N, C-alpha and C. Protein backbone atom coordinates (compact mmCIF):
# COMPACT_ATOMS: atom_id res chain seq x y z
N UNK A 1 136.43 94.92 106.16
CA UNK A 1 135.06 94.85 106.61
C UNK A 1 134.25 95.96 105.95
N UNK A 2 133.07 95.53 105.32
CA UNK A 2 132.25 96.54 104.70
C UNK A 2 131.36 97.31 105.67
N UNK A 3 131.40 98.58 105.55
CA UNK A 3 130.76 99.48 106.53
C UNK A 3 129.18 99.34 106.38
N UNK A 4 128.52 99.37 107.65
CA UNK A 4 127.01 99.37 107.57
C UNK A 4 126.65 100.82 107.43
N UNK A 5 125.78 101.14 106.39
CA UNK A 5 125.20 102.56 106.40
C UNK A 5 123.72 102.53 107.01
N UNK A 6 123.43 103.59 107.11
CA UNK A 6 122.03 104.03 107.80
C UNK A 6 121.29 104.90 106.76
N UNK A 7 120.02 104.38 106.26
CA UNK A 7 119.28 105.24 105.52
C UNK A 7 118.10 105.70 106.38
N UNK A 8 117.74 106.91 106.20
CA UNK A 8 116.68 107.30 107.11
C UNK A 8 115.58 108.14 106.62
N UNK A 9 114.66 107.40 105.75
CA UNK A 9 113.61 108.07 104.94
C UNK A 9 112.53 108.35 106.06
N UNK A 10 111.93 109.56 106.05
CA UNK A 10 110.81 109.74 106.97
C UNK A 10 111.28 109.44 108.51
N UNK A 11 112.49 109.59 108.77
CA UNK A 11 113.02 109.27 110.18
C UNK A 11 113.12 107.92 110.61
N UNK A 12 112.99 106.88 109.65
CA UNK A 12 113.17 105.50 109.84
C UNK A 12 114.83 105.16 109.70
N UNK A 13 115.21 104.58 110.58
CA UNK A 13 116.68 104.22 110.50
C UNK A 13 116.88 102.81 110.10
N UNK A 14 117.20 102.58 108.73
CA UNK A 14 117.40 101.46 108.19
C UNK A 14 118.74 100.99 107.91
N UNK A 15 119.36 100.11 108.30
CA UNK A 15 120.82 99.73 108.18
C UNK A 15 120.88 98.96 106.91
N UNK A 16 122.00 99.24 106.12
CA UNK A 16 122.19 98.30 104.85
C UNK A 16 123.68 98.18 104.59
N UNK A 17 124.00 97.31 103.69
CA UNK A 17 125.51 97.09 103.22
C UNK A 17 125.13 96.76 101.77
N UNK A 18 125.98 97.42 101.04
CA UNK A 18 125.84 97.20 99.48
C UNK A 18 127.45 96.86 99.04
N UNK A 19 127.52 95.62 98.54
CA UNK A 19 128.73 95.24 98.07
C UNK A 19 128.74 94.43 96.87
N UNK A 20 129.82 94.51 96.04
CA UNK A 20 130.04 93.76 94.89
C UNK A 20 129.42 94.26 93.57
N UNK A 21 129.62 93.56 92.58
CA UNK A 21 129.14 94.07 91.22
C UNK A 21 128.50 92.89 90.64
N UNK A 22 127.51 93.07 89.70
CA UNK A 22 126.93 92.00 88.90
C UNK A 22 125.33 91.95 89.20
N UNK A 23 124.72 90.68 88.81
CA UNK A 23 123.35 90.41 89.23
C UNK A 23 123.16 90.63 90.66
N UNK A 24 122.13 91.31 91.05
CA UNK A 24 121.68 91.80 92.32
C UNK A 24 120.97 90.94 93.20
N UNK A 25 121.22 90.77 94.49
CA UNK A 25 120.63 89.87 95.41
C UNK A 25 120.44 90.67 96.72
N UNK A 26 119.25 90.75 97.13
CA UNK A 26 119.03 91.33 98.51
C UNK A 26 118.87 90.35 99.52
N UNK A 27 119.49 90.51 100.54
CA UNK A 27 119.50 89.56 101.77
C UNK A 27 118.84 90.19 103.04
N UNK A 28 117.94 89.74 103.54
CA UNK A 28 117.19 90.25 104.77
C UNK A 28 117.52 89.29 106.03
N UNK A 29 118.10 89.79 107.21
CA UNK A 29 118.41 88.78 108.29
C UNK A 29 117.19 88.25 108.83
N UNK A 30 117.39 87.34 109.77
CA UNK A 30 116.40 86.62 110.59
C UNK A 30 115.82 87.57 111.68
N UNK A 31 114.75 87.04 112.31
CA UNK A 31 114.05 87.78 113.34
C UNK A 31 115.10 88.15 114.49
N UNK A 32 115.08 89.62 114.72
CA UNK A 32 116.00 90.08 115.78
C UNK A 32 117.22 90.08 115.45
N UNK A 33 117.72 89.81 114.34
CA UNK A 33 119.29 89.80 114.08
C UNK A 33 119.62 90.85 113.30
N UNK A 34 121.00 91.24 113.47
CA UNK A 34 121.63 92.20 112.72
C UNK A 34 122.14 91.72 111.40
N UNK A 35 122.49 92.70 110.40
CA UNK A 35 122.86 92.30 109.08
C UNK A 35 124.23 91.82 109.21
N UNK A 36 125.04 91.92 110.18
CA UNK A 36 126.48 91.45 110.28
C UNK A 36 126.68 90.01 110.15
N UNK A 37 125.83 89.20 110.74
CA UNK A 37 125.94 87.74 110.63
C UNK A 37 125.91 87.21 109.29
N UNK A 38 125.36 87.76 108.31
CA UNK A 38 125.19 87.43 106.84
C UNK A 38 126.38 87.96 106.12
N UNK A 39 127.31 88.65 106.68
CA UNK A 39 128.43 89.15 106.13
C UNK A 39 129.27 88.02 105.28
N UNK A 40 129.73 87.02 105.86
CA UNK A 40 130.59 86.05 105.13
C UNK A 40 129.82 85.54 103.99
N UNK A 41 128.55 85.29 104.13
CA UNK A 41 127.71 84.57 103.05
C UNK A 41 127.72 85.71 101.77
N UNK A 42 127.50 87.03 102.26
CA UNK A 42 127.49 88.05 101.25
C UNK A 42 128.70 88.22 100.56
N UNK A 43 129.80 88.10 101.42
CA UNK A 43 131.20 88.27 100.74
C UNK A 43 131.63 87.17 99.84
N UNK A 44 131.12 85.89 99.99
CA UNK A 44 131.48 84.76 99.30
C UNK A 44 130.65 85.07 97.99
N UNK A 45 129.48 85.46 97.97
CA UNK A 45 128.67 85.69 96.79
C UNK A 45 129.18 86.95 95.89
N UNK A 46 129.66 88.02 96.64
CA UNK A 46 130.33 89.12 96.04
C UNK A 46 131.45 88.70 95.26
N UNK A 47 132.23 87.95 95.63
CA UNK A 47 133.52 87.27 95.14
C UNK A 47 133.12 86.49 93.83
N UNK A 48 132.04 86.05 93.71
CA UNK A 48 131.44 85.25 92.62
C UNK A 48 130.79 86.29 91.55
N UNK A 49 131.02 87.57 91.79
CA UNK A 49 130.53 88.58 90.82
C UNK A 49 129.01 88.83 91.00
N UNK A 50 128.39 88.81 92.17
CA UNK A 50 127.11 89.26 92.48
C UNK A 50 127.21 90.52 93.24
N UNK A 51 126.13 91.38 93.12
CA UNK A 51 126.00 92.43 93.91
C UNK A 51 125.14 92.03 94.97
N UNK A 52 125.48 92.14 96.38
CA UNK A 52 124.65 91.68 97.35
C UNK A 52 124.46 92.94 98.33
N UNK A 53 123.11 93.23 98.51
CA UNK A 53 122.65 94.27 99.50
C UNK A 53 122.03 93.61 100.67
N UNK A 54 122.59 93.77 101.69
CA UNK A 54 121.87 93.30 102.93
C UNK A 54 121.05 94.45 103.62
N UNK A 55 120.05 94.12 103.96
CA UNK A 55 119.04 95.25 104.31
C UNK A 55 118.59 94.82 105.66
N UNK A 56 118.85 95.47 106.80
CA UNK A 56 118.17 95.22 108.23
C UNK A 56 117.02 95.82 108.59
N UNK A 57 116.62 95.69 109.69
CA UNK A 57 115.48 96.21 110.27
C UNK A 57 115.53 97.53 110.68
N UNK A 58 114.49 98.44 110.43
CA UNK A 58 114.40 99.64 111.03
C UNK A 58 114.64 99.84 112.54
N UNK A 59 115.12 100.83 113.04
CA UNK A 59 114.84 101.02 114.43
C UNK A 59 113.52 101.25 115.07
N UNK A 60 113.17 100.42 116.07
CA UNK A 60 111.80 100.57 116.48
C UNK A 60 111.63 101.99 117.21
N UNK A 61 110.36 102.49 116.85
CA UNK A 61 109.93 103.76 117.48
C UNK A 61 108.84 103.32 118.49
N UNK A 62 108.82 103.66 119.73
CA UNK A 62 107.88 103.37 120.72
C UNK A 62 106.56 103.92 120.20
N UNK A 63 105.45 103.03 120.46
CA UNK A 63 104.10 103.26 120.06
C UNK A 63 103.75 103.39 118.55
N UNK A 64 104.85 103.18 117.79
CA UNK A 64 104.55 103.06 116.25
C UNK A 64 104.21 101.84 115.79
N UNK A 65 102.94 101.57 115.19
CA UNK A 65 102.40 100.30 114.78
C UNK A 65 103.19 100.11 113.40
N UNK A 66 103.65 98.82 113.20
CA UNK A 66 104.37 98.31 112.00
C UNK A 66 103.59 97.16 111.41
N UNK A 67 103.49 96.99 110.25
CA UNK A 67 103.10 95.57 109.62
C UNK A 67 104.12 95.17 108.74
N UNK A 68 103.93 93.77 108.16
CA UNK A 68 104.79 93.29 107.17
C UNK A 68 104.99 94.17 106.06
N UNK A 69 103.93 95.00 105.67
CA UNK A 69 103.92 95.75 104.57
C UNK A 69 104.94 96.82 104.71
N UNK A 70 104.77 97.43 105.98
CA UNK A 70 105.80 98.51 106.24
C UNK A 70 107.30 98.03 106.10
N UNK A 71 107.64 96.82 106.63
CA UNK A 71 108.90 96.24 106.74
C UNK A 71 109.32 96.06 105.14
N UNK A 72 108.31 95.41 104.32
CA UNK A 72 108.51 95.46 102.92
C UNK A 72 108.98 96.75 102.24
N UNK A 73 108.14 97.79 102.75
CA UNK A 73 108.41 99.22 102.07
C UNK A 73 109.85 99.59 102.36
N UNK A 74 110.33 99.28 103.67
CA UNK A 74 111.72 99.81 103.85
C UNK A 74 112.83 99.02 102.93
N UNK A 75 112.43 97.85 102.44
CA UNK A 75 113.33 97.22 101.70
C UNK A 75 113.48 97.91 100.30
N UNK A 76 112.16 98.19 99.87
CA UNK A 76 112.09 99.02 98.52
C UNK A 76 112.52 100.28 98.70
N UNK A 77 112.53 100.96 99.79
CA UNK A 77 113.04 102.43 99.93
C UNK A 77 114.64 102.39 99.84
N UNK A 78 115.19 101.29 100.50
CA UNK A 78 116.65 101.26 100.12
C UNK A 78 117.12 100.87 98.97
N UNK A 79 116.32 100.06 98.19
CA UNK A 79 116.60 99.67 96.85
C UNK A 79 116.42 101.05 95.99
N UNK A 80 115.66 101.77 96.24
CA UNK A 80 115.34 103.00 95.44
C UNK A 80 116.59 103.92 95.75
N UNK A 81 117.08 104.05 96.94
CA UNK A 81 118.05 104.98 97.48
C UNK A 81 119.28 104.57 96.76
N UNK A 82 119.55 103.42 96.60
CA UNK A 82 120.90 102.99 96.04
C UNK A 82 120.75 102.69 94.50
N UNK A 83 119.63 103.03 93.77
CA UNK A 83 119.53 102.84 92.52
C UNK A 83 119.34 101.38 91.91
N UNK A 84 118.75 100.69 92.69
CA UNK A 84 118.63 99.18 92.45
C UNK A 84 117.38 99.03 91.82
N UNK A 85 116.83 98.93 90.58
CA UNK A 85 115.57 98.85 89.89
C UNK A 85 114.93 97.50 90.38
N UNK A 86 115.69 96.49 90.19
CA UNK A 86 115.16 95.07 90.47
C UNK A 86 116.31 94.27 91.14
N UNK A 87 115.87 93.02 91.74
CA UNK A 87 116.77 92.21 92.31
C UNK A 87 116.08 90.92 92.67
N UNK A 88 116.78 89.86 92.75
CA UNK A 88 116.40 88.60 93.63
C UNK A 88 116.41 89.20 94.99
N UNK A 89 115.25 88.96 95.74
CA UNK A 89 114.94 89.34 97.05
C UNK A 89 114.92 88.08 97.99
N UNK A 90 115.57 88.07 99.02
CA UNK A 90 115.46 86.99 99.78
C UNK A 90 115.89 87.36 101.36
N UNK A 91 115.81 86.16 102.16
CA UNK A 91 116.15 86.44 103.63
C UNK A 91 116.13 85.08 104.18
N UNK A 92 116.71 85.22 105.36
CA UNK A 92 116.87 83.99 106.22
C UNK A 92 115.45 83.98 107.18
N UNK A 93 114.93 82.87 107.21
CA UNK A 93 113.86 82.79 108.15
C UNK A 93 112.66 83.90 108.00
N UNK A 94 112.52 84.61 109.14
CA UNK A 94 111.64 85.77 109.05
C UNK A 94 112.01 86.67 107.95
N UNK A 95 113.42 86.93 107.70
CA UNK A 95 113.79 87.82 106.67
C UNK A 95 113.00 87.28 105.28
N UNK A 96 112.95 85.84 104.97
CA UNK A 96 112.32 85.43 103.93
C UNK A 96 110.92 85.77 103.94
N UNK A 97 110.19 85.92 105.01
CA UNK A 97 108.71 86.37 105.13
C UNK A 97 108.52 87.77 104.60
N UNK A 98 109.54 88.68 104.97
CA UNK A 98 109.61 89.84 104.44
C UNK A 98 109.82 89.99 103.07
N UNK A 99 110.69 89.06 102.46
CA UNK A 99 111.08 88.99 101.14
C UNK A 99 109.75 88.61 100.35
N UNK A 100 108.89 87.64 100.74
CA UNK A 100 107.76 87.17 100.07
C UNK A 100 106.73 88.39 100.14
N UNK A 101 106.76 89.13 101.04
CA UNK A 101 105.79 90.35 101.19
C UNK A 101 106.17 91.45 100.16
N UNK A 102 107.59 91.57 99.97
CA UNK A 102 108.03 92.43 98.96
C UNK A 102 107.60 92.03 97.70
N UNK A 103 107.68 90.76 97.43
CA UNK A 103 107.26 90.14 96.06
C UNK A 103 105.77 90.30 95.67
N UNK A 104 105.00 90.29 96.79
CA UNK A 104 103.59 90.47 96.56
C UNK A 104 103.16 92.04 96.57
N UNK A 105 103.81 92.70 97.14
CA UNK A 105 103.59 94.14 97.25
C UNK A 105 104.10 94.90 96.20
N UNK A 106 105.37 94.49 95.67
CA UNK A 106 106.05 95.20 94.64
C UNK A 106 106.65 94.34 93.63
N UNK A 107 105.89 93.60 92.93
CA UNK A 107 106.40 92.61 91.96
C UNK A 107 107.19 93.17 90.84
N UNK A 108 106.99 94.35 90.57
CA UNK A 108 107.84 94.98 89.47
C UNK A 108 109.28 95.18 89.74
N UNK A 109 109.74 94.98 91.18
CA UNK A 109 111.08 95.28 91.69
C UNK A 109 111.68 93.98 92.06
N UNK A 110 111.01 92.73 91.80
CA UNK A 110 111.53 91.42 92.14
C UNK A 110 111.83 90.49 90.90
N UNK A 111 113.12 89.94 90.92
CA UNK A 111 113.29 88.95 89.63
C UNK A 111 113.00 87.59 90.16
N UNK A 112 113.12 87.26 91.63
CA UNK A 112 112.92 85.94 92.10
C UNK A 112 113.09 86.09 93.56
N UNK A 113 112.64 84.99 94.33
CA UNK A 113 112.67 85.12 95.66
C UNK A 113 113.52 83.83 96.16
N UNK A 114 114.47 84.17 97.24
CA UNK A 114 115.48 83.34 97.84
C UNK A 114 114.99 83.09 99.18
N UNK A 115 114.72 81.96 99.77
CA UNK A 115 114.31 81.63 101.23
C UNK A 115 115.36 80.76 101.53
N UNK A 116 116.04 81.25 102.73
CA UNK A 116 117.12 80.59 103.61
C UNK A 116 116.36 79.83 104.63
N UNK A 117 115.60 78.90 104.54
CA UNK A 117 114.65 78.33 105.50
C UNK A 117 113.33 78.99 105.31
N UNK A 118 112.39 78.26 105.32
CA UNK A 118 110.96 78.58 105.14
C UNK A 118 110.23 78.89 106.32
N UNK A 119 109.89 80.11 106.75
CA UNK A 119 109.09 80.28 107.96
C UNK A 119 107.52 80.04 107.55
N UNK A 120 106.85 79.45 108.56
CA UNK A 120 105.39 79.22 108.43
C UNK A 120 104.83 79.93 109.46
N UNK A 121 103.46 79.93 109.71
CA UNK A 121 102.84 80.73 110.76
C UNK A 121 103.03 80.17 112.16
N UNK A 122 103.44 78.83 112.30
CA UNK A 122 103.53 78.17 113.51
C UNK A 122 104.88 78.52 113.95
N UNK A 123 105.80 78.97 113.21
CA UNK A 123 107.08 79.20 113.69
C UNK A 123 107.31 80.73 114.32
N UNK A 124 106.33 81.42 114.12
CA UNK A 124 106.51 82.80 114.77
C UNK A 124 106.71 82.77 116.28
N UNK A 125 106.39 81.66 116.89
CA UNK A 125 106.85 81.55 118.50
C UNK A 125 108.27 81.31 118.57
N UNK A 126 108.98 80.94 117.57
CA UNK A 126 110.31 80.41 117.63
C UNK A 126 111.26 81.73 117.49
N UNK A 127 112.49 81.63 117.94
CA UNK A 127 113.39 82.61 117.85
C UNK A 127 114.43 82.34 116.85
N UNK A 128 114.70 83.27 115.97
CA UNK A 128 115.86 83.04 114.96
C UNK A 128 117.25 83.18 115.56
N UNK A 129 117.30 83.76 116.91
CA UNK A 129 118.48 84.14 117.44
C UNK A 129 119.13 83.42 118.62
N UNK A 130 118.38 82.33 118.96
CA UNK A 130 118.88 81.49 120.17
C UNK A 130 120.36 81.11 120.09
N UNK A 131 120.75 80.76 118.85
CA UNK A 131 122.07 80.06 118.71
C UNK A 131 123.23 81.04 118.44
N UNK A 132 122.89 82.37 118.55
CA UNK A 132 123.94 83.33 117.87
C UNK A 132 124.46 84.20 119.00
N UNK A 133 125.57 84.97 118.78
CA UNK A 133 126.03 85.73 119.96
C UNK A 133 125.10 86.84 120.18
N UNK A 134 124.87 87.23 121.47
CA UNK A 134 124.15 88.31 121.73
C UNK A 134 124.37 89.57 121.19
N UNK A 135 125.63 89.75 120.61
CA UNK A 135 125.93 91.04 119.96
C UNK A 135 125.31 91.26 118.58
N UNK A 136 124.88 89.90 118.18
CA UNK A 136 124.21 90.06 116.74
C UNK A 136 122.60 90.14 116.97
N UNK A 137 122.19 90.19 118.14
CA UNK A 137 120.66 90.26 118.39
C UNK A 137 120.40 91.48 118.81
N UNK A 138 118.97 91.86 118.79
CA UNK A 138 118.46 92.98 119.14
C UNK A 138 116.89 92.84 119.60
N UNK A 139 116.64 92.69 120.87
CA UNK A 139 115.60 92.41 121.50
C UNK A 139 114.33 93.32 121.02
N UNK A 140 114.62 94.53 120.79
CA UNK A 140 113.64 95.58 120.51
C UNK A 140 113.07 95.35 119.06
N UNK A 141 114.21 94.96 118.21
CA UNK A 141 113.77 94.80 116.86
C UNK A 141 112.94 93.55 116.84
N UNK A 142 113.46 92.51 117.42
CA UNK A 142 112.55 91.29 117.47
C UNK A 142 111.09 91.44 117.88
N UNK A 143 110.86 92.27 118.86
CA UNK A 143 109.46 92.58 119.45
C UNK A 143 108.88 93.13 118.31
N UNK A 144 109.31 94.15 117.67
CA UNK A 144 108.81 94.96 116.67
C UNK A 144 108.31 94.02 115.55
N UNK A 145 109.19 93.06 115.18
CA UNK A 145 109.01 92.11 114.11
C UNK A 145 107.72 91.18 114.27
N UNK A 146 107.85 90.60 115.65
CA UNK A 146 106.70 89.88 116.05
C UNK A 146 105.28 90.70 116.00
N UNK A 147 105.42 91.88 116.39
CA UNK A 147 104.13 92.75 116.28
C UNK A 147 103.75 92.93 114.85
N UNK A 148 104.80 93.07 113.99
CA UNK A 148 104.34 93.30 112.57
C UNK A 148 103.69 92.17 112.03
N UNK A 149 104.35 90.93 112.40
CA UNK A 149 103.74 89.47 111.90
C UNK A 149 102.28 89.34 112.53
N UNK A 150 102.07 89.68 113.67
CA UNK A 150 100.78 89.55 114.35
C UNK A 150 99.72 90.43 113.79
N UNK A 151 100.10 91.83 113.14
CA UNK A 151 99.35 92.69 112.66
C UNK A 151 98.91 92.41 111.18
N UNK A 152 99.63 91.38 110.75
CA UNK A 152 99.28 91.13 109.16
C UNK A 152 98.85 89.77 108.88
N UNK A 153 97.74 89.64 108.28
CA UNK A 153 97.02 88.40 108.02
C UNK A 153 98.19 87.43 107.11
N UNK A 154 98.24 86.06 107.58
CA UNK A 154 99.08 85.26 107.17
C UNK A 154 99.17 85.32 105.65
N UNK A 155 97.86 85.33 105.07
CA UNK A 155 97.78 85.38 103.50
C UNK A 155 98.62 86.27 102.78
N UNK A 156 98.84 87.50 103.61
CA UNK A 156 99.48 88.60 102.98
C UNK A 156 101.03 88.42 102.97
N UNK A 157 101.50 87.38 103.63
CA UNK A 157 102.96 87.16 103.22
C UNK A 157 103.16 85.70 102.91
N UNK A 158 102.32 84.78 103.28
CA UNK A 158 102.58 83.37 103.08
C UNK A 158 102.26 83.09 101.60
N UNK A 159 101.44 83.61 100.82
CA UNK A 159 101.20 83.59 99.55
C UNK A 159 102.44 83.66 98.66
N UNK A 160 102.63 82.69 97.55
CA UNK A 160 103.45 83.03 96.66
C UNK A 160 102.99 83.77 95.50
N UNK A 161 103.80 84.71 95.23
CA UNK A 161 103.62 85.49 93.83
C UNK A 161 103.59 84.52 92.69
N UNK A 162 102.56 84.55 91.75
CA UNK A 162 102.46 83.63 90.71
C UNK A 162 103.59 83.44 89.57
N UNK A 163 104.43 84.45 89.48
CA UNK A 163 105.24 84.49 88.36
C UNK A 163 106.73 84.58 88.59
N UNK A 164 106.99 84.42 89.86
CA UNK A 164 108.53 84.44 90.24
C UNK A 164 109.09 83.04 90.69
N UNK A 165 110.23 82.74 90.04
CA UNK A 165 110.96 81.64 90.73
C UNK A 165 111.28 81.63 92.07
N UNK A 166 111.16 80.64 92.78
CA UNK A 166 111.41 80.62 94.22
C UNK A 166 112.61 79.63 94.71
N UNK A 167 113.86 79.98 95.16
CA UNK A 167 114.65 79.07 95.49
C UNK A 167 114.80 79.08 97.04
N UNK A 168 114.61 77.63 97.63
CA UNK A 168 114.63 77.39 98.99
C UNK A 168 115.91 76.72 99.26
N UNK A 169 116.75 77.11 100.17
CA UNK A 169 117.92 76.63 100.63
C UNK A 169 117.65 76.31 102.17
N UNK A 170 117.83 75.03 102.54
CA UNK A 170 117.42 74.73 103.87
C UNK A 170 118.40 73.84 104.65
N UNK A 171 118.40 73.90 105.81
CA UNK A 171 119.36 73.04 106.53
C UNK A 171 118.63 71.65 106.94
N UNK A 172 119.15 70.63 106.88
CA UNK A 172 118.50 69.40 107.25
C UNK A 172 118.24 69.26 108.60
N UNK A 173 119.08 69.84 109.54
CA UNK A 173 118.83 69.76 111.06
C UNK A 173 118.30 71.10 111.61
N UNK A 174 117.63 71.91 110.76
CA UNK A 174 116.86 73.11 111.32
C UNK A 174 115.69 72.84 112.06
N UNK A 175 115.70 73.15 113.22
CA UNK A 175 114.35 72.93 113.99
C UNK A 175 113.63 74.10 114.24
N UNK A 176 114.09 75.31 113.76
CA UNK A 176 113.21 76.63 113.86
C UNK A 176 112.37 76.72 112.68
N UNK A 177 113.07 76.49 111.45
CA UNK A 177 112.37 76.52 110.22
C UNK A 177 112.65 75.22 109.67
N UNK A 178 111.87 74.22 109.97
CA UNK A 178 112.12 72.73 109.63
C UNK A 178 112.03 72.46 108.14
N UNK A 179 112.97 71.60 107.74
CA UNK A 179 112.82 71.33 106.18
C UNK A 179 111.43 70.88 105.75
N UNK A 180 110.51 70.37 106.60
CA UNK A 180 109.17 70.24 105.99
C UNK A 180 108.46 71.36 105.54
N UNK A 181 108.85 72.45 106.03
CA UNK A 181 108.22 73.82 105.42
C UNK A 181 108.57 73.92 104.05
N UNK A 182 109.85 73.62 103.69
CA UNK A 182 110.38 73.86 102.38
C UNK A 182 109.53 72.82 101.50
N UNK A 183 109.51 71.62 101.87
CA UNK A 183 108.79 70.59 101.07
C UNK A 183 107.40 70.90 100.80
N UNK A 184 106.67 71.46 101.92
CA UNK A 184 105.33 71.79 101.75
C UNK A 184 105.26 72.88 100.61
N UNK A 185 106.15 73.78 100.63
CA UNK A 185 106.06 75.02 99.77
C UNK A 185 106.18 74.50 98.31
N UNK A 186 107.28 73.61 98.15
CA UNK A 186 107.55 72.88 96.83
C UNK A 186 106.31 72.31 96.28
N UNK A 187 105.65 71.50 97.17
CA UNK A 187 104.42 70.80 96.88
C UNK A 187 103.37 71.66 96.32
N UNK A 188 103.39 72.81 96.88
CA UNK A 188 102.22 73.74 96.60
C UNK A 188 102.33 74.34 95.25
N UNK A 189 103.62 74.37 94.88
CA UNK A 189 103.84 75.11 93.46
C UNK A 189 105.17 74.59 92.95
N UNK A 190 105.12 73.25 92.51
CA UNK A 190 106.23 72.62 91.95
C UNK A 190 106.86 73.37 90.83
N UNK A 191 105.98 73.87 90.04
CA UNK A 191 106.53 74.77 88.89
C UNK A 191 107.39 76.02 89.16
N UNK A 192 107.17 76.43 90.34
CA UNK A 192 107.98 77.69 90.90
C UNK A 192 109.04 77.45 91.81
N UNK A 193 108.85 76.54 92.67
CA UNK A 193 109.76 76.36 93.93
C UNK A 193 110.86 75.26 93.64
N UNK A 194 112.02 75.59 93.89
CA UNK A 194 113.04 74.65 93.89
C UNK A 194 113.85 74.54 95.22
N UNK A 195 114.06 73.36 95.79
CA UNK A 195 114.68 73.13 97.00
C UNK A 195 116.01 72.52 97.00
N UNK A 196 117.06 73.18 97.73
CA UNK A 196 118.27 72.60 97.82
C UNK A 196 118.43 72.48 99.41
N UNK A 197 118.98 71.36 99.80
CA UNK A 197 119.14 70.97 101.41
C UNK A 197 120.63 71.08 101.56
N UNK A 198 120.96 71.80 102.64
CA UNK A 198 122.45 71.70 103.20
C UNK A 198 122.44 70.72 104.20
N UNK A 199 123.31 69.63 104.02
CA UNK A 199 123.46 68.54 104.94
C UNK A 199 123.88 68.85 106.14
N UNK A 200 123.36 68.51 107.31
CA UNK A 200 123.76 68.85 108.60
C UNK A 200 123.73 70.18 109.01
N UNK A 201 123.20 71.16 108.33
CA UNK A 201 122.87 72.51 108.64
C UNK A 201 121.75 72.83 109.76
N UNK A 202 122.07 73.36 110.69
CA UNK A 202 121.00 73.85 111.73
C UNK A 202 120.31 75.15 111.25
N UNK A 203 119.68 75.77 112.16
CA UNK A 203 119.00 77.05 111.85
C UNK A 203 119.96 78.15 111.32
N UNK A 204 121.14 78.23 111.72
CA UNK A 204 122.06 79.18 111.29
C UNK A 204 123.00 78.66 110.06
N UNK A 205 122.61 78.00 109.46
CA UNK A 205 123.43 77.32 108.20
C UNK A 205 123.87 78.51 107.32
N UNK A 206 123.32 79.48 107.19
CA UNK A 206 123.92 80.55 106.35
C UNK A 206 125.03 81.25 106.94
N UNK A 207 125.36 80.91 108.15
CA UNK A 207 126.57 81.38 109.00
C UNK A 207 127.54 80.10 109.10
N UNK A 208 127.11 79.01 109.35
CA UNK A 208 127.83 77.91 109.74
C UNK A 208 128.28 77.02 108.48
N UNK A 209 127.46 77.18 107.44
CA UNK A 209 127.54 76.39 106.16
C UNK A 209 127.69 77.38 105.01
N UNK A 210 128.64 78.25 104.94
CA UNK A 210 128.49 79.40 104.04
C UNK A 210 128.99 78.74 102.47
N UNK A 211 129.85 77.80 102.45
CA UNK A 211 130.25 77.15 101.07
C UNK A 211 129.06 76.56 100.63
N UNK A 212 128.48 75.69 101.19
CA UNK A 212 127.28 74.90 100.66
C UNK A 212 126.20 75.92 100.39
N UNK A 213 125.87 76.97 101.23
CA UNK A 213 124.80 77.92 100.86
C UNK A 213 125.04 78.77 99.73
N UNK A 214 126.41 79.24 99.80
CA UNK A 214 126.67 80.08 98.49
C UNK A 214 126.75 79.39 97.20
N UNK A 215 127.23 78.15 97.14
CA UNK A 215 127.32 77.40 96.11
C UNK A 215 125.71 77.11 95.57
N UNK A 216 124.92 76.74 96.36
CA UNK A 216 123.47 76.63 96.04
C UNK A 216 122.82 77.83 95.28
N UNK A 217 123.13 78.93 95.90
CA UNK A 217 122.66 80.26 95.35
C UNK A 217 123.27 80.52 94.05
N UNK A 218 124.70 80.35 93.91
CA UNK A 218 125.32 80.73 92.73
C UNK A 218 124.96 79.97 91.49
N UNK A 219 124.88 78.49 91.90
CA UNK A 219 124.41 77.73 90.79
C UNK A 219 122.96 77.91 90.21
N UNK A 220 122.10 78.30 91.07
CA UNK A 220 120.79 78.53 90.57
C UNK A 220 120.67 79.89 89.86
N UNK A 221 121.36 80.86 90.54
CA UNK A 221 121.08 82.08 89.80
C UNK A 221 122.00 82.10 88.65
N UNK A 222 123.02 81.51 88.42
CA UNK A 222 123.82 81.48 87.17
C UNK A 222 122.93 80.70 86.18
N UNK A 223 122.27 79.69 86.55
CA UNK A 223 121.29 78.86 85.54
C UNK A 223 120.30 79.63 85.29
N UNK A 224 119.58 80.26 86.22
CA UNK A 224 118.44 81.14 86.00
C UNK A 224 118.59 82.29 84.94
């Protein structure tokens, strides 16, 4: 099992896991979820010669206001810490919203965007963690992330950067980030967005359908 490390720039405690060698992919977990549940997917990708960096949420500090831009900066700070100049940056559901913010705020550090389920503004009321073990959840982190999303205008994370390819992998039975979100995103920018569906996958398809998810990512990134 790969150890989780903690990076603490300016007192922020940001968990991360760095494994594998090869083209780099950053994975950001869903709302309120810890990096561990993405470990099987990361391991499968690392076995196929990818470097996979899972970056979790900072520990909340009482009374500290946080925006989506701050969460995006956490990702960049970890990348800088480990010497990662650029990568595909992606995430599961809310993690994908953070990834999109990274691509808008720091385009020079992004090679492409991976969205494991596409979050829309109406999905903010839903939980990414209802189907997963309580040990993988963190209520304080979830509250901080909801506050960050509420403090940030939708356009500042929903917008697609104009020059990056976007790969959407989505579960056909996902009711939290429904497949219609990915189809709308593709329709808005067909020249940028590709969609791969995981048949029978619910919201936690990156955990329950690891093979199908990793194959979709490997095929696209190898082609790209």
